[in-house]
Every structure is written in structure tokens, then in C-alpha cells.
N, C-alpha and C. Protein backbone atom coordinates (compact mmCIF):
# COMPACT_ATOMS: atom_id res chain seq x y z
N UNK A 1 63.02 78.00 66.80
CA UNK A 1 63.70 76.99 66.62
C UNK A 1 64.53 76.92 65.23
N UNK A 2 65.70 76.86 65.55
CA UNK A 2 65.95 76.42 63.54
C UNK A 2 66.28 75.28 63.49
N UNK A 3 66.76 75.03 61.98
CA UNK A 3 67.21 73.91 61.65
C UNK A 3 68.11 72.94 62.30
N UNK A 4 69.11 73.69 63.12
CA UNK A 4 69.93 72.79 63.80
C UNK A 4 69.13 72.19 65.12
N UNK A 5 68.34 73.03 65.55
CA UNK A 5 67.51 72.70 66.40
C UNK A 5 66.72 71.03 66.68
N UNK A 6 66.16 71.21 65.13
CA UNK A 6 65.32 70.25 64.50
C UNK A 6 66.49 68.81 64.70
N UNK A 7 67.32 69.58 63.56
CA UNK A 7 68.48 67.85 63.66
C UNK A 7 68.83 67.59 64.97
N UNK A 8 69.24 68.38 65.94
CA UNK A 8 69.43 68.06 67.33
C UNK A 8 68.45 67.34 67.93
N UNK A 9 66.96 67.79 67.85
CA UNK A 9 65.91 66.61 68.42
C UNK A 9 65.64 65.27 67.36
N UNK A 10 66.00 65.24 66.52
CA UNK A 10 66.24 64.33 65.47
C UNK A 10 67.25 63.13 65.78
N UNK A 11 68.21 63.34 65.95
CA UNK A 11 69.40 62.78 66.33
C UNK A 11 69.19 62.33 67.51
N UNK A 12 69.08 62.84 68.75
CA UNK A 12 68.50 62.82 70.01
C UNK A 12 67.66 61.62 70.00
N UNK A 13 66.61 61.66 69.17
CA UNK A 13 65.29 60.77 69.34
C UNK A 13 66.22 59.56 68.58
N UNK A 14 66.70 59.46 67.55
CA UNK A 14 67.28 58.09 67.10
C UNK A 14 68.47 57.68 68.13
N UNK A 15 69.32 58.11 68.81
CA UNK A 15 69.97 57.80 69.71
C UNK A 15 69.22 57.02 70.76
N UNK A 16 68.29 57.73 71.59
CA UNK A 16 67.30 57.05 72.34
C UNK A 16 67.02 55.87 71.82
N UNK A 17 66.16 55.85 70.62
CA UNK A 17 65.86 54.80 69.98
C UNK A 17 66.56 53.68 70.05
N UNK A 18 67.78 53.67 69.58
CA UNK A 18 68.97 52.95 69.70
C UNK A 18 69.13 52.30 70.88
N UNK A 19 69.33 53.14 71.74
CA UNK A 19 69.76 52.82 73.10
C UNK A 19 68.76 51.85 74.18
N UNK A 20 67.42 52.39 73.61
CA UNK A 20 66.25 51.46 74.11
C UNK A 20 66.07 50.11 73.67
N UNK A 21 66.82 49.97 72.28
CA UNK A 21 66.48 48.70 71.73
C UNK A 21 67.61 48.03 72.58
N UNK A 22 68.93 48.48 72.42
CA UNK A 22 69.96 47.81 73.25
C UNK A 22 69.71 47.27 74.82
N UNK A 23 69.05 48.33 75.32
CA UNK A 23 68.66 47.86 76.47
C UNK A 23 67.41 46.81 76.81
N UNK A 24 66.54 47.10 75.88
CA UNK A 24 65.63 45.95 76.02
C UNK A 24 66.02 44.24 75.72
N UNK A 25 66.84 44.42 74.54
CA UNK A 25 67.39 43.07 74.37
C UNK A 25 68.65 42.73 75.79
N UNK A 26 68.93 43.53 76.17
CA UNK A 26 69.79 43.53 77.65
C UNK A 26 68.66 42.56 78.66
N UNK A 27 67.89 43.26 78.87
CA UNK A 27 66.64 43.12 79.64
C UNK A 27 66.37 41.55 79.50
N UNK A 28 65.92 41.32 78.41
CA UNK A 28 65.49 39.95 77.72
C UNK A 28 66.60 38.94 78.32
N UNK A 29 67.89 39.39 77.80
CA UNK A 29 68.70 38.33 78.38
C UNK A 29 68.81 38.00 79.91
N UNK A 30 69.14 39.15 80.67
CA UNK A 30 68.78 38.96 81.89
C UNK A 30 67.94 38.23 82.68
N UNK A 31 67.02 38.41 82.01
CA UNK A 31 65.39 38.03 82.50
C UNK A 31 65.64 36.14 82.20
N UNK A 32 66.31 35.91 81.10
CA UNK A 32 66.30 34.63 81.10
C UNK A 32 67.31 33.89 82.18
N UNK A 33 68.63 34.89 82.31
CA UNK A 33 69.29 34.08 83.12
C UNK A 33 69.03 34.04 84.72
N UNK A 34 67.91 35.11 85.21
CA UNK A 34 67.62 35.22 86.36
C UNK A 34 66.03 34.60 86.64
N UNK A 35 65.34 34.13 85.55
CA UNK A 35 64.26 33.32 85.29
C UNK A 35 62.98 34.54 85.47
N UNK A 36 62.27 33.89 85.03
CA UNK A 36 60.73 34.95 84.91
C UNK A 36 60.29 35.13 86.26
N UNK A 37 60.24 34.30 86.82
CA UNK A 37 59.85 34.39 88.38
C UNK A 37 60.39 35.55 89.22
N UNK A 38 61.70 34.96 89.19
CA UNK A 38 62.50 36.20 89.99
C UNK A 38 62.49 37.53 89.46
N UNK A 39 62.35 37.68 88.05
CA UNK A 39 62.44 38.87 87.26
C UNK A 39 60.86 39.74 87.72
N UNK A 40 59.90 38.87 87.80
CA UNK A 40 58.54 39.45 88.18
C UNK A 40 58.97 40.01 89.62
N UNK A 41 59.40 39.05 90.37
CA UNK A 41 59.45 39.66 91.98
C UNK A 41 60.43 40.98 92.03
N UNK A 42 61.47 41.03 91.10
CA UNK A 42 62.31 42.02 91.04
C UNK A 42 61.74 43.52 90.60
N UNK A 43 60.63 43.12 89.73
CA UNK A 43 59.86 44.24 89.05
C UNK A 43 59.14 44.64 90.19
N UNK A 44 58.63 43.87 91.14
CA UNK A 44 57.43 44.38 91.96
C UNK A 44 58.49 45.13 93.03
N UNK A 45 59.58 44.62 93.40
CA UNK A 45 60.38 45.16 94.33
C UNK A 45 60.59 46.62 93.70
N UNK A 46 61.10 46.86 92.67
CA UNK A 46 61.15 48.18 92.02
C UNK A 46 60.50 49.07 92.44
N UNK A 47 59.04 48.42 91.95
CA UNK A 47 57.96 49.18 92.16
C UNK A 47 57.47 49.48 93.46
N UNK A 48 58.48 49.14 94.71
CA UNK A 48 58.35 48.84 96.02
C UNK A 48 56.34 48.45 96.52
N UNK A 49 56.33 47.32 95.72
CA UNK A 49 55.09 46.58 95.96
C UNK A 49 54.75 45.84 97.27
N UNK A 50 56.15 45.26 97.78
CA UNK A 50 56.30 44.78 98.94
C UNK A 50 56.25 45.71 100.06
N UNK A 51 56.28 45.07 101.71
CA UNK A 51 56.22 45.49 102.65
C UNK A 51 57.85 45.76 103.21
N UNK A 52 58.16 47.00 103.78
CA UNK A 52 59.60 47.38 104.08
C UNK A 52 60.48 46.23 104.48
N UNK A 53 59.53 45.33 105.30
CA UNK A 53 60.51 44.08 105.94
C UNK A 53 60.91 42.90 104.43
N UNK A 54 59.97 42.88 103.76
CA UNK A 54 60.30 42.28 102.31
C UNK A 54 61.24 42.81 101.49
N UNK A 55 61.10 44.06 101.27
CA UNK A 55 61.84 44.60 100.84
C UNK A 55 63.31 44.61 101.12
N UNK A 56 63.55 44.60 102.43
CA UNK A 56 64.93 44.65 102.85
C UNK A 56 65.26 43.32 102.93
N UNK A 57 64.48 42.15 102.62
CA UNK A 57 65.24 40.84 102.70
C UNK A 57 65.50 40.58 101.09
N UNK A 58 64.72 41.24 100.19
CA UNK A 58 64.98 41.10 98.88
C UNK A 58 66.20 41.58 98.43
N UNK A 59 66.55 42.79 99.36
CA UNK A 59 67.76 43.46 99.08
C UNK A 59 68.90 42.98 99.37
N UNK A 60 68.70 42.31 100.57
CA UNK A 60 69.76 41.50 100.91
C UNK A 60 70.22 40.24 100.08
N UNK A 61 69.07 39.73 98.87
CA UNK A 61 69.45 38.75 98.32
C UNK A 61 69.77 38.97 96.86
N UNK A 62 70.12 40.10 96.61
CA UNK A 62 70.23 40.66 95.35
C UNK A 62 71.51 40.11 94.94
N UNK A 63 71.58 39.66 93.67
CA UNK A 63 72.93 39.17 93.51
C UNK A 63 73.10 40.27 92.16
N UNK A 64 74.59 40.06 91.50
CA UNK A 64 74.96 41.01 90.33
C UNK A 64 74.01 40.89 89.32
N UNK A 65 73.44 40.07 88.56
CA UNK A 65 72.64 39.83 87.58
C UNK A 65 71.05 40.31 88.11
N UNK A 66 70.43 40.28 89.21
CA UNK A 66 69.62 41.17 89.78
C UNK A 66 69.72 42.55 89.90
N UNK A 67 70.70 42.86 90.14
CA UNK A 67 71.30 44.45 90.15
C UNK A 67 71.44 44.96 88.67
N UNK A 68 71.99 44.02 87.95
CA UNK A 68 72.07 44.55 86.49
C UNK A 68 70.51 44.81 85.98
N UNK A 69 69.84 43.75 86.03
CA UNK A 69 68.33 44.02 85.45
C UNK A 69 67.75 45.11 86.10
N UNK A 70 67.45 45.22 87.41
CA UNK A 70 67.20 46.44 87.84
C UNK A 70 67.85 47.73 87.36
N UNK A 71 69.05 47.81 87.17
CA UNK A 71 69.70 49.12 86.53
C UNK A 71 69.30 49.24 84.95
N UNK A 72 69.07 47.96 84.40
CA UNK A 72 68.85 48.25 83.19
C UNK A 72 67.35 48.78 82.97
N UNK A 73 66.49 48.09 83.78
CA UNK A 73 65.01 48.57 83.92
C UNK A 73 64.61 50.18 84.35
N UNK A 74 65.85 50.37 85.09
CA UNK A 74 65.72 52.23 85.26
C UNK A 74 66.35 52.87 84.70
N UNK A 75 67.25 52.46 83.87
CA UNK A 75 67.63 53.04 82.36
C UNK A 75 66.77 53.01 81.04
N UNK A 76 65.95 52.13 81.17
CA UNK A 76 64.90 51.98 80.09
C UNK A 76 64.01 53.27 80.37
N UNK A 77 63.86 53.05 81.63
CA UNK A 77 62.47 54.03 82.09
C UNK A 77 62.75 55.60 81.76
N UNK A 78 63.96 55.56 82.06
CA UNK A 78 64.58 57.06 82.07
C UNK A 78 64.73 57.59 80.49
N UNK A 79 64.92 56.38 79.63
CA UNK A 79 65.26 56.92 78.37
C UNK A 79 63.92 56.67 77.57
N UNK A 80 62.84 56.28 78.08
CA UNK A 80 61.78 56.25 77.46
C UNK A 80 60.92 57.54 77.83
N UNK A 81 61.32 58.28 78.96
CA UNK A 81 60.99 59.73 79.38
C UNK A 81 61.64 60.47 78.43
N UNK A 82 62.99 60.29 78.35
CA UNK A 82 63.51 61.43 77.40
C UNK A 82 62.95 61.39 75.89
N UNK A 83 62.74 59.89 75.61
CA UNK A 83 62.37 60.05 74.27
C UNK A 83 60.84 60.66 74.02
N UNK A 84 59.77 60.50 75.09
CA UNK A 84 58.78 61.30 75.04
C UNK A 84 58.83 62.81 74.92
N UNK A 85 59.55 63.11 75.84
CA UNK A 85 59.98 64.52 75.71
C UNK A 85 60.47 65.19 74.45
N UNK A 86 61.54 64.32 73.80
CA UNK A 86 62.31 64.81 72.33
C UNK A 86 60.84 64.77 71.37
N UNK A 87 60.04 63.62 71.41
CA UNK A 87 58.95 63.64 70.78
C UNK A 87 57.97 64.71 70.76
N UNK A 88 57.64 64.89 71.95
CA UNK A 88 56.82 66.44 72.13
C UNK A 88 57.31 67.56 71.58
N UNK A 89 58.84 67.86 71.98
CA UNK A 89 59.43 68.95 71.13
C UNK A 89 59.42 68.90 69.97
N UNK A 90 59.48 67.81 69.12
CA UNK A 90 59.44 67.87 67.77
C UNK A 90 58.06 68.14 67.44
N UNK A 91 57.31 67.80 67.88
CA UNK A 91 55.66 67.87 67.68
C UNK A 91 55.43 69.49 67.45
N UNK A 92 55.80 69.99 69.03
CA UNK A 92 55.65 71.28 68.78
C UNK A 92 56.36 71.89 67.72
N UNK A 93 57.64 71.74 67.33
CA UNK A 93 58.39 72.46 66.38
C UNK A 93 57.59 72.18 64.90
N UNK A 94 57.04 71.20 64.62
CA UNK A 94 56.79 71.01 63.61
C UNK A 94 55.41 71.28 63.39
N UNK A 95 54.55 71.63 64.49
CA UNK A 95 53.41 72.55 64.42
C UNK A 95 53.67 73.97 64.43
N UNK A 96 54.70 74.54 64.54
CA UNK A 96 55.11 75.63 64.09
C UNK A 96 54.68 76.57 65.35
N UNK A 97 54.60 75.92 66.52
CA UNK A 97 54.14 76.59 67.77
C UNK A 97 55.21 76.74 68.66
N UNK A 98 56.07 77.80 68.35
CA UNK A 98 57.08 78.03 69.28
C UNK A 98 56.53 78.47 70.64
N UNK A 99 55.39 79.03 70.58
CA UNK A 99 55.12 79.58 71.82
C UNK A 99 54.90 78.40 72.97
N UNK A 100 54.86 77.47 72.23
CA UNK A 100 54.47 76.59 73.64
C UNK A 100 55.60 76.07 74.32
N UNK A 101 55.70 75.88 75.90
CA UNK A 101 56.28 76.02 76.31
C UNK A 101 56.71 74.61 76.90
N UNK A 102 57.69 73.83 76.17
CA UNK A 102 57.98 71.96 76.42
C UNK A 102 58.26 71.62 77.39
N UNK A 103 58.87 72.75 78.27
CA UNK A 103 59.63 72.46 79.43
C UNK A 103 58.11 71.85 80.43
N UNK A 104 57.19 72.22 80.45
CA UNK A 104 56.17 71.89 81.33
C UNK A 104 55.81 70.48 81.15
N UNK A 105 56.20 69.72 80.08
CA UNK A 105 55.98 68.61 79.85
C UNK A 105 56.67 67.32 80.50
N UNK A 106 57.96 68.09 80.75
CA UNK A 106 58.97 67.11 81.33
C UNK A 106 59.07 67.09 82.98
N UNK A 107 57.92 67.76 83.37
CA UNK A 107 58.11 67.22 84.94
C UNK A 107 57.56 66.13 85.21
N UNK A 108 58.70 65.42 86.38
CA UNK A 108 58.27 63.89 86.81
C UNK A 108 57.06 63.94 87.12
N UNK A 109 56.35 62.68 87.28
CA UNK A 109 55.10 62.34 88.19
C UNK A 109 55.64 61.91 89.45
N UNK A 110 54.68 62.47 90.19
CA UNK A 110 55.03 61.81 91.60
C UNK A 110 54.06 60.55 92.12
N UNK A 111 54.71 59.88 92.38
CA UNK A 111 54.34 58.49 92.74
C UNK A 111 53.53 58.39 94.28
């Protein structure tokens, strides 16, 4: 890969870092609004730690701020995964190992 590819990866990493900082600030702001206890409940809801009946009950009680907080967490998780992929790609490039298939690292984990 050439210098353009390296520059692209670096710019992507910087953009993802900035985006994650903004999302983390937004998550903190929304956590203050909904309260720590509700945020913990929503985090458990997102991880599907409740029984299906309880999940449905929580889903019915979600308000705008709850939904917004969940959305921010999902975007943060997605951006972190992309940042990891960009970092691995940069490491492979910096090691001079263009023979490494970096797409193998991008496979999502099965839950």
C-alpha cells in the first residue's frame, strides 16, 4: 500500500477518535438526564440480560432520551470496532507486512 493509503488510515483514525469523544460526551450528558440507575438498566437491556417479558416491558417504557442513549452506545461500539480495524491495518502497514490479510480481523464476534 502506498502513502495515500497510509494517509487515509491516519485520517480515518483521527476522525473516529474525534467522533468517539463526541459520542462519549453525549453519553455522559444523557446518562445525567436519565439517571445512573436507568442508564444501568438500559445497558443491561441493550446486552439482552433480561427475560423476554422484561425486555418487552422496558421497550414499551423507552422515552426519547432512553432511545437516544441506546443509539449513542451502539454508535460508540461500532466506531470502536472501526477504530480497532484501522489500527490493525496501520500496524500491518507499518510492519511492512502487506501479505497480511487485514480483513480477517474485521469479522464480527458472534454473541
